[in-house]
Amino acid sequence: MPVFILRYLDNPPQIAWWELDELIVLILCGFIGILTRHLTFLLIVGLVCTFMISTLKSGKSDGFIYHCAYWYGIPGFDLPLGPQETIRELIE
């Protein structure tokens, strides 16, 4: 009895044609635009940032943005058992 496994089962969640991490940037820019009363300008900035993130991610592995965040030392992306993100070379 053959079992069919979906081709896109492991893909990240997607809304319309944006992945979730790209859409969060757009929503955040829209929310800040509402608070500061510059909605049109910040939505354009959000669309540009979303486009830049999508082109940065194209052709890379799924966790590329998270790896970059760890590499540059953004808080919250540290590994509990790994080396500190500011150490670039390990010597045994």
PDB file of N, CA and C in Angstrom:
ATOM      1  N   MET A   1       0.849  -1.176   0.000  1.00  0.00           N
ATOM      2  CA  MET A   1       0.000   0.000   0.000  1.00  0.00           C
ATOM      3  C   MET A   1       0.897   1.242   0.000  1.00  0.00           C
ATOM      4  N   PRO A   2       0.890   2.012  -1.072  1.00  0.00           N
ATOM      5  CA  PRO A   2       1.758   3.195  -1.132  1.00  0.00           C
ATOM      6  C   PRO A   2       1.234   4.325  -0.237  1.00  0.00           C
ATOM      7  N   VAL A   3       2.188   5.000   0.378  1.00  0.00           N
ATOM      8  CA  VAL A   3       1.858   6.135   1.235  1.00  0.00           C
ATOM      9  C   VAL A   3       2.432   7.386   0.575  1.00  0.00           C
ATOM     10  N   PHE A   4       1.605   8.381   0.413  1.00  0.00           N
ATOM     11  CA  PHE A   4       2.054   9.623  -0.202  1.00  0.00           C
ATOM     12  C   PHE A   4       2.445  10.621   0.878  1.00  0.00           C
ATOM     13  N   ILE A   5       3.659  11.126   0.780  1.00  0.00           N
ATOM     14  CA  ILE A   5       4.141  12.147   1.700  1.00  0.00           C
ATOM     15  C   ILE A   5       4.164  13.467   0.932  1.00  0.00           C
ATOM     16  N   LEU A   6       3.595  14.492   1.527  1.00  0.00           N
ATOM     17  CA  LEU A   6       3.525  15.782   0.861  1.00  0.00           C
ATOM     18  C   LEU A   6       4.919  16.341   0.608  1.00  0.00           C
ATOM     19  N   ARG A   7       5.087  16.974  -0.521  1.00  0.00           N
ATOM     20  CA  ARG A   7       6.391  17.519  -0.904  1.00  0.00           C
ATOM     21  C   ARG A   7       6.773  18.724  -0.043  1.00  0.00           C
ATOM     22  N   TYR A   8       5.796  19.527   0.362  1.00  0.00           N
ATOM     23  CA  TYR A   8       6.062  20.764   1.085  1.00  0.00           C
ATOM     24  C   TYR A   8       5.755  20.652   2.581  1.00  0.00           C
ATOM     25  N   LEU A   9       5.878  19.470   3.151  1.00  0.00           N
ATOM     26  CA  LEU A   9       5.513  19.244   4.541  1.00  0.00           C
ATOM     27  C   LEU A   9       6.435  19.977   5.512  1.00  0.00           C
ATOM     28  N   ASP A  10       7.725  20.064   5.207  1.00  0.00           N
ATOM     29  CA  ASP A  10       8.689  20.681   6.117  1.00  0.00           C
ATOM     30  C   ASP A  10       8.946  22.157   5.833  1.00  0.00           C
ATOM     31  N   ASN A  11       8.250  22.757   4.902  1.00  0.00           N
ATOM     32  CA  ASN A  11       8.457  24.175   4.606  1.00  0.00           C
ATOM     33  C   ASN A  11       7.963  25.040   5.758  1.00  0.00           C
ATOM     34  N   PRO A  12       8.588  26.202   5.961  1.00  0.00           N
ATOM     35  CA  PRO A  12       8.106  27.098   7.017  1.00  0.00           C
ATOM     36  C   PRO A  12       6.720  27.634   6.690  1.00  0.00           C
ATOM     37  N   PRO A  13       5.968  28.074   7.716  1.00  0.00           N
ATOM     38  CA  PRO A  13       4.617  28.586   7.467  1.00  0.00           C
ATOM     39  C   PRO A  13       4.639  29.780   6.521  1.00  0.00           C
ATOM     40  N   GLN A  14       3.634  29.847   5.664  1.00  0.00           N
ATOM     41  CA  GLN A  14       3.580  30.877   4.643  1.00  0.00           C
ATOM     42  C   GLN A  14       2.186  31.504   4.620  1.00  0.00           C
ATOM     43  N   ILE A  15       2.152  32.837   4.515  1.00  0.00           N
ATOM     44  CA  ILE A  15       0.899  33.564   4.345  1.00  0.00           C
ATOM     45  C   ILE A  15       1.035  34.328   3.041  1.00  0.00           C
ATOM     46  N   ALA A  16       0.119  34.089   2.121  1.00  0.00           N
ATOM     47  CA  ALA A  16       0.199  34.602   0.755  1.00  0.00           C
ATOM     48  C   ALA A  16       1.516  34.104   0.148  1.00  0.00           C
ATOM     49  N   TRP A  17       2.400  34.977  -0.282  1.00  0.00           N
ATOM     50  CA  TRP A  17       3.670  34.527  -0.857  1.00  0.00           C
ATOM     51  C   TRP A  17       4.848  34.836   0.056  1.00  0.00           C
ATOM     52  N   TRP A  18       4.577  35.288   1.297  1.00  0.00           N
ATOM     53  CA  TRP A  18       5.641  35.579   2.251  1.00  0.00           C
ATOM     54  C   TRP A  18       5.727  34.489   3.297  1.00  0.00           C
ATOM     55  N   GLU A  19       6.956  34.189   3.703  1.00  0.00           N
ATOM     56  CA  GLU A  19       7.140  33.289   4.838  1.00  0.00           C
ATOM     57  C   GLU A  19       6.909  34.078   6.114  1.00  0.00           C
ATOM     58  N   LEU A  20       6.756  33.370   7.210  1.00  0.00           N
ATOM     59  CA  LEU A  20       6.352  34.000   8.460  1.00  0.00           C
ATOM     60  C   LEU A  20       7.377  35.021   8.956  1.00  0.00           C
ATOM     61  N   ASP A  21       8.671  34.718   8.854  1.00  0.00           N
ATOM     62  CA  ASP A  21       9.671  35.656   9.357  1.00  0.00           C
ATOM     63  C   ASP A  21       9.735  36.933   8.522  1.00  0.00           C
ATOM     64  N   GLU A  22       9.412  36.845   7.243  1.00  0.00           N
ATOM     65  CA  GLU A  22       9.352  38.044   6.396  1.00  0.00           C
ATOM     66  C   GLU A  22       8.103  38.870   6.720  1.00  0.00           C
ATOM     67  N   LEU A  23       7.006  38.183   6.975  1.00  0.00           N
ATOM     68  CA  LEU A  23       5.754  38.867   7.259  1.00  0.00           C
ATOM     69  C   LEU A  23       5.797  39.579   8.607  1.00  0.00           C
ATOM     70  N   ILE A  24       6.544  39.041   9.568  1.00  0.00           N
ATOM     71  CA  ILE A  24       6.671  39.686  10.876  1.00  0.00           C
ATOM     72  C   ILE A  24       7.292  41.068  10.728  1.00  0.00           C
ATOM     73  N   VAL A  25       8.282  41.215   9.837  1.00  0.00           N
ATOM     74  CA  VAL A  25       8.915  42.517   9.606  1.00  0.00           C
ATOM     75  C   VAL A  25       7.894  43.499   9.043  1.00  0.00           C
ATOM     76  N   LEU A  26       7.086  43.066   8.100  1.00  0.00           N
ATOM     77  CA  LEU A  26       6.077  43.939   7.498  1.00  0.00           C
ATOM     78  C   LEU A  26       5.021  44.347   8.520  1.00  0.00           C
ATOM     79  N   ILE A  27       4.561  43.414   9.334  1.00  0.00           N
ATOM     80  CA  ILE A  27       3.551  43.723  10.355  1.00  0.00           C
ATOM     81  C   ILE A  27       4.124  44.658  11.407  1.00  0.00           C
ATOM     82  N   LEU A  28       5.369  44.444  11.800  1.00  0.00           N
ATOM     83  CA  LEU A  28       6.006  45.308  12.787  1.00  0.00           C
ATOM     84  C   LEU A  28       6.152  46.738  12.259  1.00  0.00           C
ATOM     85  N   CYS A  29       6.555  46.874  11.011  1.00  0.00           N
ATOM     86  CA  CYS A  29       6.649  48.216  10.417  1.00  0.00           C
ATOM     87  C   CYS A  29       5.273  48.869  10.332  1.00  0.00           C
ATOM     88  N   GLY A  30       4.246  48.116   9.995  1.00  0.00           N
ATOM     89  CA  GLY A  30       2.900  48.662   9.954  1.00  0.00           C
ATOM     90  C   GLY A  30       2.411  49.085  11.325  1.00  0.00           C
ATOM     91  N   PHE A  31       2.718  48.302  12.351  1.00  0.00           N
ATOM     92  CA  PHE A  31       2.309  48.644  13.711  1.00  0.00           C
ATOM     93  C   PHE A  31       3.010  49.905  14.197  1.00  0.00           C
ATOM     94  N   ILE A  32       4.312  50.000  13.937  1.00  0.00           N
ATOM     95  CA  ILE A  32       5.053  51.211  14.318  1.00  0.00           C
ATOM     96  C   ILE A  32       4.549  52.412  13.515  1.00  0.00           C
ATOM     97  N   GLY A  33       4.185  52.192  12.264  1.00  0.00           N
ATOM     98  CA  GLY A  33       3.631  53.263  11.445  1.00  0.00           C
ATOM     99  C   GLY A  33       2.312  53.773  11.977  1.00  0.00           C
ATOM    100  N   ILE A  34       1.473  52.886  12.507  1.00  0.00           N
ATOM    101  CA  ILE A  34       0.211  53.311  13.108  1.00  0.00           C
ATOM    102  C   ILE A  34       0.477  54.133  14.362  1.00  0.00           C
ATOM    103  N   LEU A  35       1.422  53.687  15.182  1.00  0.00           N
ATOM    104  CA  LEU A  35       1.719  54.403  16.421  1.00  0.00           C
ATOM    105  C   LEU A  35       2.316  55.786  16.169  1.00  0.00           C
ATOM    106  N   THR A  36       3.151  55.904  15.147  1.00  0.00           N
ATOM    107  CA  THR A  36       3.816  57.180  14.878  1.00  0.00           C
ATOM    108  C   THR A  36       3.101  58.024  13.830  1.00  0.00           C
ATOM    109  N   ARG A  37       1.983  57.535  13.303  1.00  0.00           N
ATOM    110  CA  ARG A  37       1.178  58.223  12.288  1.00  0.00           C
ATOM    111  C   ARG A  37       1.957  58.460  10.989  1.00  0.00           C
ATOM    112  N   HIS A  38       2.817  57.526  10.661  1.00  0.00           N
ATOM    113  CA  HIS A  38       3.540  57.539   9.384  1.00  0.00           C
ATOM    114  C   HIS A  38       3.344  56.187   8.698  1.00  0.00           C
ATOM    115  N   LEU A  39       2.098  55.774   8.595  1.00  0.00           N
ATOM    116  CA  LEU A  39       1.786  54.427   8.119  1.00  0.00           C
ATOM    117  C   LEU A  39       2.257  54.187   6.692  1.00  0.00           C
ATOM    118  N   THR A  40       2.000  55.105   5.791  1.00  0.00           N
ATOM    119  CA  THR A  40       2.362  54.898   4.387  1.00  0.00           C
ATOM    120  C   THR A  40       3.865  54.756   4.220  1.00  0.00           C
ATOM    121  N   PHE A  41       4.614  55.649   4.852  1.00  0.00           N
ATOM    122  CA  PHE A  41       6.069  55.606   4.734  1.00  0.00           C
ATOM    123  C   PHE A  41       6.629  54.315   5.321  1.00  0.00           C
ATOM    124  N   LEU A  42       6.158  53.931   6.511  1.00  0.00           N
ATOM    125  CA  LEU A  42       6.709  52.729   7.143  1.00  0.00           C
ATOM    126  C   LEU A  42       6.229  51.449   6.477  1.00  0.00           C
ATOM    127  N   LEU A  43       5.077  51.449   5.826  1.00  0.00           N
ATOM    128  CA  LEU A  43       4.682  50.272   5.048  1.00  0.00           C
ATOM    129  C   LEU A  43       5.575  50.109   3.822  1.00  0.00           C
ATOM    130  N   ILE A  44       5.969  51.214   3.211  1.00  0.00           N
ATOM    131  CA  ILE A  44       6.913  51.135   2.085  1.00  0.00           C
ATOM    132  C   ILE A  44       8.263  50.630   2.576  1.00  0.00           C
ATOM    133  N   VAL A  45       8.711  51.130   3.743  1.00  0.00           N
ATOM    134  CA  VAL A  45       9.967  50.644   4.333  1.00  0.00           C
ATOM    135  C   VAL A  45       9.851  49.158   4.657  1.00  0.00           C
ATOM    136  N   GLY A  46       8.700  48.737   5.189  1.00  0.00           N
ATOM    137  CA  GLY A  46       8.482  47.330   5.505  1.00  0.00           C
ATOM    138  C   GLY A  46       8.499  46.451   4.268  1.00  0.00           C
ATOM    139  N   LEU A  47       7.894  46.920   3.176  1.00  0.00           N
ATOM    140  CA  LEU A  47       7.917  46.152   1.925  1.00  0.00           C
ATOM    141  C   LEU A  47       9.331  46.030   1.369  1.00  0.00           C
ATOM    142  N   VAL A  48      10.100  47.116   1.455  1.00  0.00           N
ATOM    143  CA  VAL A  48      11.494  47.072   0.983  1.00  0.00           C
ATOM    144  C   VAL A  48      12.309  46.116   1.841  1.00  0.00           C
ATOM    145  N   CYS A  49      12.129  46.191   3.170  1.00  0.00           N
ATOM    146  CA  CYS A  49      12.861  45.284   4.062  1.00  0.00           C
ATOM    147  C   CYS A  49      12.458  43.830   3.832  1.00  0.00           C
ATOM    148  N   THR A  50      11.170  43.587   3.592  1.00  0.00           N
ATOM    149  CA  THR A  50      10.707  42.234   3.306  1.00  0.00           C
ATOM    150  C   THR A  50      11.319  41.718   2.005  1.00  0.00           C
ATOM    151  N   PHE A  51      11.394  42.570   0.995  1.00  0.00           N
ATOM    152  CA  PHE A  51      12.012  42.184  -0.263  1.00  0.00           C
ATOM    153  C   PHE A  51      13.502  41.878  -0.065  1.00  0.00           C
ATOM    154  N   MET A  52      14.180  42.696   0.742  1.00  0.00           N
ATOM    155  CA  MET A  52      15.607  42.465   0.992  1.00  0.00           C
ATOM    156  C   MET A  52      15.832  41.164   1.755  1.00  0.00           C
ATOM    157  N   ILE A  53      14.979  40.865   2.730  1.00  0.00           N
ATOM    158  CA  ILE A  53      15.111  39.621   3.481  1.00  0.00           C
ATOM    159  C   ILE A  53      14.861  38.425   2.573  1.00  0.00           C
ATOM    160  N   SER A  54      13.859  38.512   1.712  1.00  0.00           N
ATOM    161  CA  SER A  54      13.559  37.380   0.826  1.00  0.00           C
ATOM    162  C   SER A  54      14.689  37.142  -0.178  1.00  0.00           C
ATOM    163  N   THR A  55      15.310  38.216  -0.676  1.00  0.00           N
ATOM    164  CA  THR A  55      16.438  38.018  -1.596  1.00  0.00           C
ATOM    165  C   THR A  55      17.670  37.526  -0.853  1.00  0.00           C
ATOM    166  N   LEU A  56      17.834  37.928   0.405  1.00  0.00           N
ATOM    167  CA  LEU A  56      18.953  37.435   1.206  1.00  0.00           C
ATOM    168  C   LEU A  56      18.808  35.950   1.489  1.00  0.00           C
ATOM    169  N   LYS A  57      17.561  35.505   1.712  1.00  0.00           N
ATOM    170  CA  LYS A  57      17.312  34.107   2.043  1.00  0.00           C
ATOM    171  C   LYS A  57      17.299  33.180   0.837  1.00  0.00           C
ATOM    172  N   SER A  58      17.144  33.700  -0.359  1.00  0.00           N
ATOM    173  CA  SER A  58      17.006  32.839  -1.526  1.00  0.00           C
ATOM    174  C   SER A  58      18.299  32.061  -1.778  1.00  0.00           C
ATOM    175  N   GLY A  59      18.163  30.773  -1.923  1.00  0.00           N
ATOM    176  CA  GLY A  59      19.306  29.918  -2.194  1.00  0.00           C
ATOM    177  C   GLY A  59      20.080  29.502  -0.964  1.00  0.00           C
ATOM    178  N   LYS A  60      19.633  29.902   0.224  1.00  0.00           N
ATOM    179  CA  LYS A  60      20.319  29.551   1.463  1.00  0.00           C
ATOM    180  C   LYS A  60      19.503  28.500   2.214  1.00  0.00           C
ATOM    181  N   SER A  61      20.052  27.977   3.299  1.00  0.00           N
ATOM    182  CA  SER A  61      19.336  26.988   4.094  1.00  0.00           C
ATOM    183  C   SER A  61      18.187  27.644   4.853  1.00  0.00           C
ATOM    184  N   ASP A  62      17.319  26.825   5.450  1.00  0.00           N
ATOM    185  CA  ASP A  62      16.112  27.335   6.101  1.00  0.00           C
ATOM    186  C   ASP A  62      16.412  28.248   7.290  1.00  0.00           C
ATOM    187  N   GLY A  63      17.415  27.945   8.093  1.00  0.00           N
ATOM    188  CA  GLY A  63      17.709  28.733   9.284  1.00  0.00           C
ATOM    189  C   GLY A  63      18.771  29.786   9.083  1.00  0.00           C
ATOM    190  N   PHE A  64      18.935  30.289   7.868  1.00  0.00           N
ATOM    191  CA  PHE A  64      20.015  31.217   7.564  1.00  0.00           C
ATOM    192  C   PHE A  64      19.921  32.510   8.369  1.00  0.00           C
ATOM    193  N   ILE A  65      18.727  33.065   8.516  1.00  0.00           N
ATOM    194  CA  ILE A  65      18.546  34.312   9.251  1.00  0.00           C
ATOM    195  C   ILE A  65      18.897  34.099  10.725  1.00  0.00           C
ATOM    196  N   TYR A  66      18.517  32.960  11.272  1.00  0.00           N
ATOM    197  CA  TYR A  66      18.830  32.685  12.674  1.00  0.00           C
ATOM    198  C   TYR A  66      20.330  32.493  12.882  1.00  0.00           C
ATOM    199  N   HIS A  67      20.990  31.876  11.922  1.00  0.00           N
ATOM    200  CA  HIS A  67      22.446  31.721  12.005  1.00  0.00           C
ATOM    201  C   HIS A  67      23.132  33.084  11.954  1.00  0.00           C
ATOM    202  N   CYS A  68      22.651  33.979  11.094  1.00  0.00           N
ATOM    203  CA  CYS A  68      23.220  35.332  11.033  1.00  0.00           C
ATOM    204  C   CYS A  68      22.985  36.080  12.336  1.00  0.00           C
ATOM    205  N   ALA A  69      21.795  35.929  12.924  1.00  0.00           N
ATOM    206  CA  ALA A  69      21.505  36.600  14.188  1.00  0.00           C
ATOM    207  C   ALA A  69      22.427  36.087  15.291  1.00  0.00           C
ATOM    208  N   TYR A  70      22.708  34.792  15.322  1.00  0.00           N
ATOM    209  CA  TYR A  70      23.641  34.236  16.303  1.00  0.00           C
ATOM    210  C   TYR A  70      25.055  34.744  16.040  1.00  0.00           C
ATOM    211  N   TRP A  71      25.462  34.785  14.786  1.00  0.00           N
ATOM    212  CA  TRP A  71      26.823  35.176  14.430  1.00  0.00           C
ATOM    213  C   TRP A  71      27.119  36.621  14.843  1.00  0.00           C
ATOM    214  N   TYR A  72      26.134  37.513  14.644  1.00  0.00           N
ATOM    215  CA  TYR A  72      26.337  38.912  14.975  1.00  0.00           C
ATOM    216  C   TYR A  72      25.997  39.250  16.418  1.00  0.00           C
ATOM    217  N   GLY A  73      25.618  38.252  17.228  1.00  0.00           N
ATOM    218  CA  GLY A  73      25.439  38.454  18.662  1.00  0.00           C
ATOM    219  C   GLY A  73      24.152  39.123  19.075  1.00  0.00           C
ATOM    220  N   ILE A  74      23.080  38.934  18.324  1.00  0.00           N
ATOM    221  CA  ILE A  74      21.793  39.511  18.707  1.00  0.00           C
ATOM    222  C   ILE A  74      21.253  38.717  19.893  1.00  0.00           C
ATOM    223  N   PRO A  75      20.870  39.397  20.980  1.00  0.00           N
ATOM    224  CA  PRO A  75      20.389  38.677  22.179  1.00  0.00           C
ATOM    225  C   PRO A  75      19.167  37.821  21.871  1.00  0.00           C
ATOM    226  N   GLY A  76      19.092  36.680  22.522  1.00  0.00           N
ATOM    227  CA  GLY A  76      17.976  35.762  22.330  1.00  0.00           C
ATOM    228  C   GLY A  76      18.260  34.653  21.335  1.00  0.00           C
ATOM    229  N   PHE A  77      19.363  34.726  20.616  1.00  0.00           N
ATOM    230  CA  PHE A  77      19.701  33.704  19.635  1.00  0.00           C
ATOM    231  C   PHE A  77      20.933  32.911  20.044  1.00  0.00           C
ATOM    232  N   ASP A  78      21.285  32.943  21.331  1.00  0.00           N
ATOM    233  CA  ASP A  78      22.472  32.229  21.780  1.00  0.00           C
ATOM    234  C   ASP A  78      22.171  30.745  21.970  1.00  0.00           C
ATOM    235  N   LEU A  79      23.209  29.935  21.895  1.00  0.00           N
ATOM    236  CA  LEU A  79      23.087  28.499  22.098  1.00  0.00           C
ATOM    237  C   LEU A  79      23.460  28.185  23.538  1.00  0.00           C
ATOM    238  N   PRO A  80      22.636  27.431  24.257  1.00  0.00           N
ATOM    239  CA  PRO A  80      22.930  27.193  25.672  1.00  0.00           C
ATOM    240  C   PRO A  80      24.203  26.364  25.888  1.00  0.00           C
ATOM    241  N   LEU A  81      24.514  25.445  24.997  1.00  0.00           N
ATOM    242  CA  LEU A  81      25.697  24.602  25.166  1.00  0.00           C
ATOM    243  C   LEU A  81      26.807  24.947  24.184  1.00  0.00           C
ATOM    244  N   GLY A  82      26.618  25.949  23.375  1.00  0.00           N
ATOM    245  CA  GLY A  82      27.606  26.317  22.366  1.00  0.00           C
ATOM    246  C   GLY A  82      28.543  27.405  22.857  1.00  0.00           C
ATOM    247  N   PRO A  83      29.518  27.743  22.028  1.00  0.00           N
ATOM    248  CA  PRO A  83      30.445  28.811  22.413  1.00  0.00           C
ATOM    249  C   PRO A  83      29.767  30.171  22.326  1.00  0.00           C
ATOM    250  N   GLN A  84      30.396  31.165  22.936  1.00  0.00           N
ATOM    251  CA  GLN A  84      29.856  32.516  22.857  1.00  0.00           C
ATOM    252  C   GLN A  84      29.938  32.997  21.408  1.00  0.00           C
ATOM    253  N   GLU A  85      28.986  33.852  21.031  1.00  0.00           N
ATOM    254  CA  GLU A  85      28.934  34.289  19.636  1.00  0.00           C
ATOM    255  C   GLU A  85      30.053  35.250  19.271  1.00  0.00           C
ATOM    256  N   THR A  86      30.716  35.833  20.264  1.00  0.00           N
ATOM    257  CA  THR A  86      31.807  36.777  19.963  1.00  0.00           C
ATOM    258  C   THR A  86      33.130  36.089  19.726  1.00  0.00           C
ATOM    259  N   ILE A  87      33.235  34.802  20.033  1.00  0.00           N
ATOM    260  CA  ILE A  87      34.465  34.032  19.802  1.00  0.00           C
ATOM    261  C   ILE A  87      34.433  33.518  18.365  1.00  0.00           C
ATOM    262  N   ARG A  88      35.407  33.914  17.554  1.00  0.00           N
ATOM    263  CA  ARG A  88      35.407  33.560  16.137  1.00  0.00           C
ATOM    264  C   ARG A  88      36.284  32.354  15.819  1.00  0.00           C
ATOM    265  N   GLU A  89      37.291  32.066  16.642  1.00  0.00           N
ATOM    266  CA  GLU A  89      38.151  30.913  16.399  1.00  0.00           C
ATOM    267  C   GLU A  89      38.273  30.099  17.677  1.00  0.00           C
ATOM    268  N   LEU A  90      38.178  28.788  17.519  1.00  0.00           N
ATOM    269  CA  LEU A  90      38.331  27.888  18.654  1.00  0.00           C
ATOM    270  C   LEU A  90      39.639  27.125  18.514  1.00  0.00           C
ATOM    271  N   ILE A  91      40.413  27.081  19.574  1.00  0.00           N
ATOM    272  CA  ILE A  91      41.695  26.384  19.560  1.00  0.00           C
ATOM    273  C   ILE A  91      41.618  25.244  20.555  1.00  0.00           C
ATOM    274  N   GLU A  92      41.941  24.032  20.106  1.00  0.00           N
ATOM    275  CA  GLU A  92      41.929  22.871  20.993  1.00  0.00           C
ATOM    276  C   GLU A  92      43.267  22.707  21.655  1.00  0.00           C
TER     277      GLU A  92
END
